[in-house]
PDB file of all heavy atoms in Angstrom:
ATOM      1  N   CYS A   1      81.077  82.093  99.895  1.00  0.00           N
ATOM      2  CA  CYS A   1      81.233  83.504  99.555  1.00  0.00           C
ATOM      3  C   CYS A   1      82.152  84.171 100.574  1.00  0.00           C
ATOM      4  O   CYS A   1      81.796  84.298 101.738  1.00  0.00           O
ATOM      5  CB  CYS A   1      79.884  84.217  99.553  1.00  0.00           C
ATOM      6  SG  CYS A   1      78.786  83.648  98.259  1.00  0.00           S
ATOM      7  N   LEU A   2      83.327  84.566 100.118  1.00  0.00           N
ATOM      8  CA  LEU A   2      84.258  85.301 100.970  1.00  0.00           C
ATOM      9  C   LEU A   2      84.280  86.743 100.507  1.00  0.00           C
ATOM     10  O   LEU A   2      84.119  87.020  99.318  1.00  0.00           O
ATOM     11  CB  LEU A   2      85.657  84.702 100.892  1.00  0.00           C
ATOM     12  CG  LEU A   2      85.778  83.256 101.349  1.00  0.00           C
ATOM     13  CD1 LEU A   2      87.183  82.741 101.100  1.00  0.00           C
ATOM     14  CD2 LEU A   2      85.413  83.116 102.812  1.00  0.00           C
ATOM     15  N   SER A   3      84.483  87.659 101.435  1.00  0.00           N
ATOM     16  CA  SER A   3      84.429  89.078 101.099  1.00  0.00           C
ATOM     17  C   SER A   3      85.642  89.810 101.641  1.00  0.00           C
ATOM     18  O   SER A   3      86.333  89.339 102.527  1.00  0.00           O
ATOM     19  CB  SER A   3      83.168  89.707 101.688  1.00  0.00           C
ATOM     20  OG  SER A   3      82.018  89.112 101.156  1.00  0.00           O
ATOM     21  N   THR A   4      85.855  91.008 101.108  1.00  0.00           N
ATOM     22  CA  THR A   4      86.835  91.941 101.648  1.00  0.00           C
ATOM     23  C   THR A   4      86.065  93.031 102.367  1.00  0.00           C
ATOM     24  O   THR A   4      85.078  93.540 101.846  1.00  0.00           O
ATOM     25  CB  THR A   4      87.695  92.550 100.525  1.00  0.00           C
ATOM     26  OG1 THR A   4      88.383  91.493  99.855  1.00  0.00           O
ATOM     27  CG2 THR A   4      88.719  93.531 101.085  1.00  0.00           C
ATOM     28  N   ALA A   5      86.509  93.384 103.572  1.00  0.00           N
ATOM     29  CA  ALA A   5      85.857  94.425 104.362  1.00  0.00           C
ATOM     30  C   ALA A   5      86.639  95.728 104.218  1.00  0.00           C
ATOM     31  O   ALA A   5      87.876  95.726 104.235  1.00  0.00           O
ATOM     32  CB  ALA A   5      85.787  94.020 105.826  1.00  0.00           C
ATOM     33  N   TYR A   6      85.901  96.822 104.073  1.00  0.00           N
ATOM     34  CA  TYR A   6      86.483  98.146 103.880  1.00  0.00           C
ATOM     35  C   TYR A   6      85.894  99.129 104.882  1.00  0.00           C
ATOM     36  O   TYR A   6      84.760  98.967 105.319  1.00  0.00           O
ATOM     37  CB  TYR A   6      86.178  98.673 102.473  1.00  0.00           C
ATOM     38  CG  TYR A   6      86.714  97.831 101.363  1.00  0.00           C
ATOM     39  CD1 TYR A   6      85.937  96.828 100.790  1.00  0.00           C
ATOM     40  CD2 TYR A   6      87.988  98.041 100.863  1.00  0.00           C
ATOM     41  CE1 TYR A   6      86.424  96.058  99.756  1.00  0.00           C
ATOM     42  CE2 TYR A   6      88.485  97.262  99.822  1.00  0.00           C
ATOM     43  CZ  TYR A   6      87.697  96.277  99.271  1.00  0.00           C
ATOM     44  OH  TYR A   6      88.177  95.507  98.250  1.00  0.00           O
ATOM     45  N   LYS A   7      86.648 100.196 105.188  1.00  0.00           N
ATOM     46  CA  LYS A   7      86.153 101.298 106.007  1.00  0.00           C
ATOM     47  C   LYS A   7      85.615 102.391 105.085  1.00  0.00           C
ATOM     48  O   LYS A   7      86.361 102.930 104.256  1.00  0.00           O
ATOM     49  CB  LYS A   7      87.271 101.904 106.856  1.00  0.00           C
ATOM     50  CG  LYS A   7      87.712 101.049 108.000  1.00  0.00           C
ATOM     51  CD  LYS A   7      88.765 101.790 108.817  1.00  0.00           C
ATOM     52  CE  LYS A   7      89.214 100.940 109.979  1.00  0.00           C
ATOM     53  NZ  LYS A   7      90.239 101.615 110.786  1.00  0.00           N
ATOM     54  N   ASN A   8      84.339 102.690 105.179  1.00  0.00           N
ATOM     55  CA  ASN A   8      83.664 103.818 104.542  1.00  0.00           C
ATOM     56  C   ASN A   8      83.573 103.797 103.022  1.00  0.00           C
ATOM     57  O   ASN A   8      82.620 104.316 102.467  1.00  0.00           O
ATOM     58  CB  ASN A   8      84.255 105.144 105.001  1.00  0.00           C
ATOM     59  CG  ASN A   8      84.152 105.321 106.498  1.00  0.00           C
ATOM     60  OD1 ASN A   8      83.107 105.104 107.085  1.00  0.00           O
ATOM     61  ND2 ASN A   8      85.250 105.679 107.132  1.00  0.00           N
ATOM     62  N   GLU A   9      84.539 103.234 102.312  1.00  0.00           N
ATOM     63  CA  GLU A   9      84.508 103.180 100.853  1.00  0.00           C
ATOM     64  C   GLU A   9      85.435 102.069 100.359  1.00  0.00           C
ATOM     65  O   GLU A   9      86.309 101.621 101.097  1.00  0.00           O
ATOM     66  CB  GLU A   9      84.941 104.519 100.246  1.00  0.00           C
ATOM     67  CG  GLU A   9      86.384 104.866 100.541  1.00  0.00           C
ATOM     68  CD  GLU A   9      86.801 106.209  99.952  1.00  0.00           C
ATOM     69  OE1 GLU A   9      85.982 106.865  99.300  1.00  0.00           O
ATOM     70  OE2 GLU A   9      87.958 106.584 100.157  1.00  0.00           O
ATOM     71  N   ILE A  10      85.246 101.676  99.124  1.00  0.00           N
ATOM     72  CA  ILE A  10      86.078 100.619  98.554  1.00  0.00           C
ATOM     73  C   ILE A  10      87.320 101.232  97.916  1.00  0.00           C
ATOM     74  O   ILE A  10      87.227 101.981  96.943  1.00  0.00           O
ATOM     75  CB  ILE A  10      85.291  99.802  97.507  1.00  0.00           C
ATOM     76  CG1 ILE A  10      84.109  99.106  98.169  1.00  0.00           C
ATOM     77  CG2 ILE A  10      86.205  98.803  96.821  1.00  0.00           C
ATOM     78  CD1 ILE A  10      83.201  98.377  97.210  1.00  0.00           C
ATOM     79  N   SER A  11      88.474 100.937  98.518  1.00  0.00           N
ATOM     80  CA  SER A  11      89.770 101.316  97.949  1.00  0.00           C
ATOM     81  C   SER A  11      90.839 100.470  98.632  1.00  0.00           C
ATOM     82  O   SER A  11      90.605  99.911  99.702  1.00  0.00           O
ATOM     83  CB  SER A  11      90.056 102.812  98.140  1.00  0.00           C
ATOM     84  OG  SER A  11      90.368 103.097  99.477  1.00  0.00           O
ATOM     85  N   GLU A  12      92.003 100.400  98.017  1.00  0.00           N
ATOM     86  CA  GLU A  12      93.099  99.625  98.614  1.00  0.00           C
ATOM     87  C   GLU A  12      93.486 100.176  99.983  1.00  0.00           C
ATOM     88  O   GLU A  12      93.832  99.425 100.890  1.00  0.00           O
ATOM     89  CB  GLU A  12      94.320  99.628  97.698  1.00  0.00           C
ATOM     90  CG  GLU A  12      94.180  98.739  96.485  1.00  0.00           C
ATOM     91  CD  GLU A  12      95.459  98.687  95.672  1.00  0.00           C
ATOM     92  OE1 GLU A  12      96.558  98.784  96.264  1.00  0.00           O
ATOM     93  OE2 GLU A  12      95.353  98.562  94.455  1.00  0.00           O
ATOM     94  N   GLU A  13      93.413 101.491 100.146  1.00  0.00           N
ATOM     95  CA  GLU A  13      93.827 102.139 101.389  1.00  0.00           C
ATOM     96  C   GLU A  13      92.858 101.880 102.540  1.00  0.00           C
ATOM     97  O   GLU A  13      93.235 101.987 103.703  1.00  0.00           O
ATOM     98  CB  GLU A  13      93.967 103.651 101.188  1.00  0.00           C
ATOM     99  CG  GLU A  13      95.068 104.047 100.227  1.00  0.00           C
ATOM    100  CD  GLU A  13      94.644 103.930  98.769  1.00  0.00           C
ATOM    101  OE1 GLU A  13      93.437 104.021  98.474  1.00  0.00           O
ATOM    102  OE2 GLU A  13      95.533 103.723  97.930  1.00  0.00           O
ATOM    103  N   THR A  14      91.597 101.570 102.235  1.00  0.00           N
ATOM    104  CA  THR A  14      90.598 101.403 103.292  1.00  0.00           C
ATOM    105  C   THR A  14      90.273  99.938 103.591  1.00  0.00           C
ATOM    106  O   THR A  14      89.406  99.658 104.418  1.00  0.00           O
ATOM    107  CB  THR A  14      89.295 102.146 102.926  1.00  0.00           C
ATOM    108  OG1 THR A  14      88.760 101.578 101.719  1.00  0.00           O
ATOM    109  CG2 THR A  14      89.534 103.631 102.760  1.00  0.00           C
ATOM    110  N   ALA A  15      90.976  99.007 102.964  1.00  0.00           N
ATOM    111  CA  ALA A  15      90.731  97.583 103.204  1.00  0.00           C
ATOM    112  C   ALA A  15      91.120  97.230 104.643  1.00  0.00           C
ATOM    113  O   ALA A  15      92.177  97.628 105.133  1.00  0.00           O
ATOM    114  CB  ALA A  15      91.515  96.725 102.227  1.00  0.00           C
ATOM    115  N   ILE A  16      90.227  96.503 105.316  1.00  0.00           N
ATOM    116  CA  ILE A  16      90.466  96.085 106.697  1.00  0.00           C
ATOM    117  C   ILE A  16      90.904  94.627 106.747  1.00  0.00           C
ATOM    118  O   ILE A  16      91.865  94.278 107.411  1.00  0.00           O
ATOM    119  CB  ILE A  16      89.183  96.232 107.544  1.00  0.00           C
ATOM    120  CG1 ILE A  16      88.676  97.653 107.512  1.00  0.00           C
ATOM    121  CG2 ILE A  16      89.420  95.764 108.975  1.00  0.00           C
ATOM    122  CD1 ILE A  16      87.276  97.811 108.080  1.00  0.00           C
ATOM    123  N   MET A  17      90.179  93.765 106.040  1.00  0.00           N
ATOM    124  CA  MET A  17      90.444  92.329 106.101  1.00  0.00           C
ATOM    125  C   MET A  17      89.955  91.661 104.823  1.00  0.00           C
ATOM    126  O   MET A  17      88.884  92.000 104.310  1.00  0.00           O
ATOM    127  CB  MET A  17      89.744  91.716 107.314  1.00  0.00           C
ATOM    128  CG  MET A  17      89.927  90.217 107.457  1.00  0.00           C
ATOM    129  SD  MET A  17      89.108  89.547 108.932  1.00  0.00           S
ATOM    130  CE  MET A  17      90.429  89.711 110.120  1.00  0.00           C
ATOM    131  N   ASN A  18      90.724  90.708 104.334  1.00  0.00           N
ATOM    132  CA  ASN A  18      90.345  89.888 103.175  1.00  0.00           C
ATOM    133  C   ASN A  18      89.804  88.548 103.637  1.00  0.00           C
ATOM    134  O   ASN A  18      90.027  88.134 104.775  1.00  0.00           O
ATOM    135  CB  ASN A  18      91.564  89.651 102.271  1.00  0.00           C
ATOM    136  CG  ASN A  18      92.084  90.918 101.658  1.00  0.00           C
ATOM    137  OD1 ASN A  18      91.328  91.757 101.179  1.00  0.00           O
ATOM    138  ND2 ASN A  18      93.390  91.092 101.687  1.00  0.00           N
ATOM    139  N   ASN A  19      89.131  87.861 102.749  1.00  0.00           N
ATOM    140  CA  ASN A  19      88.617  86.506 102.993  1.00  0.00           C
ATOM    141  C   ASN A  19      87.711  86.425 104.211  1.00  0.00           C
ATOM    142  O   ASN A  19      87.756  85.449 104.967  1.00  0.00           O
ATOM    143  CB  ASN A  19      89.770  85.506 103.110  1.00  0.00           C
ATOM    144  CG  ASN A  19      90.585  85.432 101.846  1.00  0.00           C
ATOM    145  OD1 ASN A  19      90.042  85.433 100.750  1.00  0.00           O
ATOM    146  ND2 ASN A  19      91.890  85.401 101.985  1.00  0.00           N
ATOM    147  N   VAL A  20      86.882  87.458 104.417  1.00  0.00           N
ATOM    148  CA  VAL A  20      85.942  87.471 105.537  1.00  0.00           C
ATOM    149  C   VAL A  20      84.852  86.444 105.269  1.00  0.00           C
ATOM    150  O   VAL A  20      84.232  86.446 104.200  1.00  0.00           O
ATOM    151  CB  VAL A  20      85.327  88.877 105.734  1.00  0.00           C
ATOM    152  CG1 VAL A  20      84.258  88.848 106.804  1.00  0.00           C
ATOM    153  CG2 VAL A  20      86.411  89.885 106.067  1.00  0.00           C
ATOM    154  N   MET A  21      84.637  85.553 106.244  1.00  0.00           N
ATOM    155  CA  MET A  21      83.605  84.533 106.071  1.00  0.00           C
ATOM    156  C   MET A  21      82.471  84.693 107.064  1.00  0.00           C
ATOM    157  O   MET A  21      81.411  84.107 106.897  1.00  0.00           O
ATOM    158  CB  MET A  21      84.203  83.136 106.190  1.00  0.00           C
ATOM    159  CG  MET A  21      84.724  82.785 107.542  1.00  0.00           C
ATOM    160  SD  MET A  21      85.176  81.053 107.591  1.00  0.00           S
ATOM    161  CE  MET A  21      85.231  80.816 109.352  1.00  0.00           C
ATOM    162  N   GLU A  22      82.699  85.506 108.120  1.00  0.00           N
ATOM    163  CA  GLU A  22      81.669  85.659 109.141  1.00  0.00           C
ATOM    164  C   GLU A  22      81.741  87.077 109.713  1.00  0.00           C
ATOM    165  O   GLU A  22      82.822  87.635 109.883  1.00  0.00           O
ATOM    166  CB  GLU A  22      81.910  84.650 110.259  1.00  0.00           C
ATOM    167  CG  GLU A  22      80.812  84.539 111.256  1.00  0.00           C
ATOM    168  CD  GLU A  22      81.049  83.394 112.235  1.00  0.00           C
ATOM    169  OE1 GLU A  22      81.720  82.408 111.877  1.00  0.00           O
ATOM    170  OE2 GLU A  22      80.559  83.502 113.361  1.00  0.00           O
ATOM    171  N   ILE A  23      80.565  87.651 109.989  1.00  0.00           N
ATOM    172  CA  ILE A  23      80.472  88.990 110.570  1.00  0.00           C
ATOM    173  C   ILE A  23      79.521  88.919 111.751  1.00  0.00           C
ATOM    174  O   ILE A  23      78.415  88.398 111.624  1.00  0.00           O
ATOM    175  CB  ILE A  23      79.943  90.010 109.546  1.00  0.00           C
ATOM    176  CG1 ILE A  23      80.856  90.064 108.322  1.00  0.00           C
ATOM    177  CG2 ILE A  23      79.817  91.388 110.187  1.00  0.00           C
ATOM    178  CD1 ILE A  23      80.278  90.863 107.174  1.00  0.00           C
ATOM    179  N   GLU A  24      79.967  89.447 112.890  1.00  0.00           N
ATOM    180  CA  GLU A  24      79.128  89.520 114.087  1.00  0.00           C
ATOM    181  C   GLU A  24      78.954  90.989 114.442  1.00  0.00           C
ATOM    182  O   GLU A  24      79.928  91.751 114.429  1.00  0.00           O
ATOM    183  CB  GLU A  24      79.776  88.774 115.252  1.00  0.00           C
ATOM    184  CG  GLU A  24      79.976  87.299 115.005  1.00  0.00           C
ATOM    185  CD  GLU A  24      80.764  86.608 116.110  1.00  0.00           C
ATOM    186  OE1 GLU A  24      81.109  87.268 117.114  1.00  0.00           O
ATOM    187  OE2 GLU A  24      81.049  85.410 115.952  1.00  0.00           O
ATOM    188  N   CYS A  25      77.732  91.400 114.741  1.00  0.00           N
ATOM    189  CA  CYS A  25      77.445  92.788 115.116  1.00  0.00           C
ATOM    190  C   CYS A  25      76.879  92.815 116.526  1.00  0.00           C
ATOM    191  O   CYS A  25      75.963  92.062 116.846  1.00  0.00           O
ATOM    192  CB  CYS A  25      76.428  93.405 114.161  1.00  0.00           C
ATOM    193  SG  CYS A  25      76.955  93.406 112.451  1.00  0.00           S
ATOM    194  N   SER A  26      77.431  93.702 117.363  1.00  0.00           N
ATOM    195  CA  SER A  26      76.960  93.858 118.723  1.00  0.00           C
ATOM    196  C   SER A  26      77.143  95.306 119.123  1.00  0.00           C
ATOM    197  O   SER A  26      78.277  95.799 119.155  1.00  0.00           O
ATOM    198  CB  SER A  26      77.738  92.945 119.664  1.00  0.00           C
ATOM    199  OG  SER A  26      77.324  93.136 120.995  1.00  0.00           O
ATOM    200  N   ASP A  27      76.030  95.987 119.410  1.00  0.00           N
ATOM    201  CA  ASP A  27      76.067  97.412 119.745  1.00  0.00           C
ATOM    202  C   ASP A  27      76.805  98.166 118.649  1.00  0.00           C
ATOM    203  O   ASP A  27      76.396  98.153 117.514  1.00  0.00           O
ATOM    204  CB  ASP A  27      76.670  97.640 121.128  1.00  0.00           C
ATOM    205  CG  ASP A  27      75.844  96.999 122.238  1.00  0.00           C
ATOM    206  OD1 ASP A  27      74.594  97.038 122.119  1.00  0.00           O
ATOM    207  OD2 ASP A  27      76.426  96.461 123.187  1.00  0.00           O
ATOM    208  N   ASN A  28      77.911  98.795 118.980  1.00  0.00           N
ATOM    209  CA  ASN A  28      78.671  99.586 118.017  1.00  0.00           C
ATOM    210  C   ASN A  28      79.947  98.868 117.576  1.00  0.00           C
ATOM    211  O   ASN A  28      80.868  99.485 117.076  1.00  0.00           O
ATOM    212  CB  ASN A  28      78.998 100.958 118.639  1.00  0.00           C
ATOM    213  CG  ASN A  28      79.332 101.995 117.608  1.00  0.00           C
ATOM    214  OD1 ASN A  28      78.792 101.978 116.504  1.00  0.00           O
ATOM    215  ND2 ASN A  28      80.208 102.909 117.957  1.00  0.00           N
ATOM    216  N   GLN A  29      80.027  97.543 117.779  1.00  0.00           N
ATOM    217  CA  GLN A  29      81.201  96.758 117.421  1.00  0.00           C
ATOM    218  C   GLN A  29      80.870  95.778 116.293  1.00  0.00           C
ATOM    219  O   GLN A  29      79.849  95.097 116.338  1.00  0.00           O
ATOM    220  CB  GLN A  29      81.718  95.963 118.620  1.00  0.00           C
ATOM    221  CG  GLN A  29      82.356  96.797 119.699  1.00  0.00           C
ATOM    222  CD  GLN A  29      83.656  97.431 119.246  1.00  0.00           C
ATOM    223  OE1 GLN A  29      84.492  96.803 118.608  1.00  0.00           O
ATOM    224  NE2 GLN A  29      83.821  98.698 119.564  1.00  0.00           N
ATOM    225  N   ILE A  30      81.745  95.729 115.306  1.00  0.00           N
ATOM    226  CA  ILE A  30      81.648  94.751 114.228  1.00  0.00           C
ATOM    227  C   ILE A  30      82.855  93.835 114.367  1.00  0.00           C
ATOM    228  O   ILE A  30      83.996  94.297 114.422  1.00  0.00           O
ATOM    229  CB  ILE A  30      81.700  95.430 112.841  1.00  0.00           C
ATOM    230  CG1 ILE A  30      80.697  96.577 112.740  1.00  0.00           C
ATOM    231  CG2 ILE A  30      81.515  94.403 111.737  1.00  0.00           C
ATOM    232  CD1 ILE A  30      79.269  96.176 112.752  1.00  0.00           C
ATOM    233  N   ILE A  31      82.613  92.540 114.436  1.00  0.00           N
ATOM    234  CA  ILE A  31      83.694  91.562 114.521  1.00  0.00           C
ATOM    235  C   ILE A  31      83.737  90.806 113.208  1.00  0.00           C
ATOM    236  O   ILE A  31      82.743  90.195 112.795  1.00  0.00           O
ATOM    237  CB  ILE A  31      83.507  90.604 115.705  1.00  0.00           C
ATOM    238  CG1 ILE A  31      83.489  91.400 117.009  1.00  0.00           C
ATOM    239  CG2 ILE A  31      84.611  89.543 115.724  1.00  0.00           C
ATOM    240  CD1 ILE A  31      83.071  90.614 118.209  1.00  0.00           C
ATOM    241  N   LEU A  32      84.889  90.888 112.548  1.00  0.00           N
ATOM    242  CA  LEU A  32      85.119  90.199 111.276  1.00  0.00           C
ATOM    243  C   LEU A  32      85.958  88.962 111.559  1.00  0.00           C
ATOM    244  O   LEU A  32      86.929  89.026 112.312  1.00  0.00           O
ATOM    245  CB  LEU A  32      85.863  91.119 110.310  1.00  0.00           C
ATOM    246  CG  LEU A  32      85.234  92.483 110.052  1.00  0.00           C
ATOM    247  CD1 LEU A  32      86.211  93.370 109.300  1.00  0.00           C
ATOM    248  CD2 LEU A  32      83.930  92.331 109.292  1.00  0.00           C
ATOM    249  N   ILE A  33      85.604  87.848 110.936  1.00  0.00           N
ATOM    250  CA  ILE A  33      86.350  86.598 111.096  1.00  0.00           C
ATOM    251  C   ILE A  33      86.695  86.097 109.702  1.00  0.00           C
ATOM    252  O   ILE A  33      85.814  85.946 108.848  1.00  0.00           O
ATOM    253  CB  ILE A  33      85.522  85.551 111.862  1.00  0.00           C
ATOM    254  CG1 ILE A  33      85.086  86.139 113.216  1.00  0.00           C
ATOM    255  CG2 ILE A  33      86.318  84.262 112.045  1.00  0.00           C
ATOM    256  CD1 ILE A  33      84.030  85.327 113.932  1.00  0.00           C
ATOM    257  N   ASP A  34      87.991  85.848 109.477  1.00  0.00           N
ATOM    258  CA  ASP A  34      88.411  85.411 108.142  1.00  0.00           C
ATOM    259  C   ASP A  34      88.481  83.892 108.043  1.00  0.00           C
ATOM    260  O   ASP A  34      88.199  83.166 109.004  1.00  0.00           O
ATOM    261  CB  ASP A  34      89.723  86.086 107.727  1.00  0.00           C
ATOM    262  CG  ASP A  34      90.966  85.548 108.416  1.00  0.00           C
ATOM    263  OD1 ASP A  34      90.873  84.600 109.213  1.00  0.00           O
ATOM    264  OD2 ASP A  34      92.049  86.094 108.149  1.00  0.00           O
ATOM    265  N   LEU A  35      88.850  83.428 106.895  1.00  0.00           N
ATOM    266  CA  LEU A  35      88.898  81.998 106.578  1.00  0.00           C
ATOM    267  C   LEU A  35      89.825  81.218 107.504  1.00  0.00           C
ATOM    268  O   LEU A  35      89.592  80.048 107.787  1.00  0.00           O
ATOM    269  CB  LEU A  35      89.341  81.830 105.119  1.00  0.00           C
ATOM    270  CG  LEU A  35      89.274  80.459 104.504  1.00  0.00           C
ATOM    271  CD1 LEU A  35      87.849  79.920 104.539  1.00  0.00           C
ATOM    272  CD2 LEU A  35      89.775  80.496 103.076  1.00  0.00           C
TER     273      LEU A  35
END
């Protein structure tokens, strides 16, 4: 399962990264890792 990450809402303008396979959360930081 690969995902697209967005800021605040789903739209082309708010896309951050495609093909996200892993998400790490630490304090107020989100780390996205793609394929």
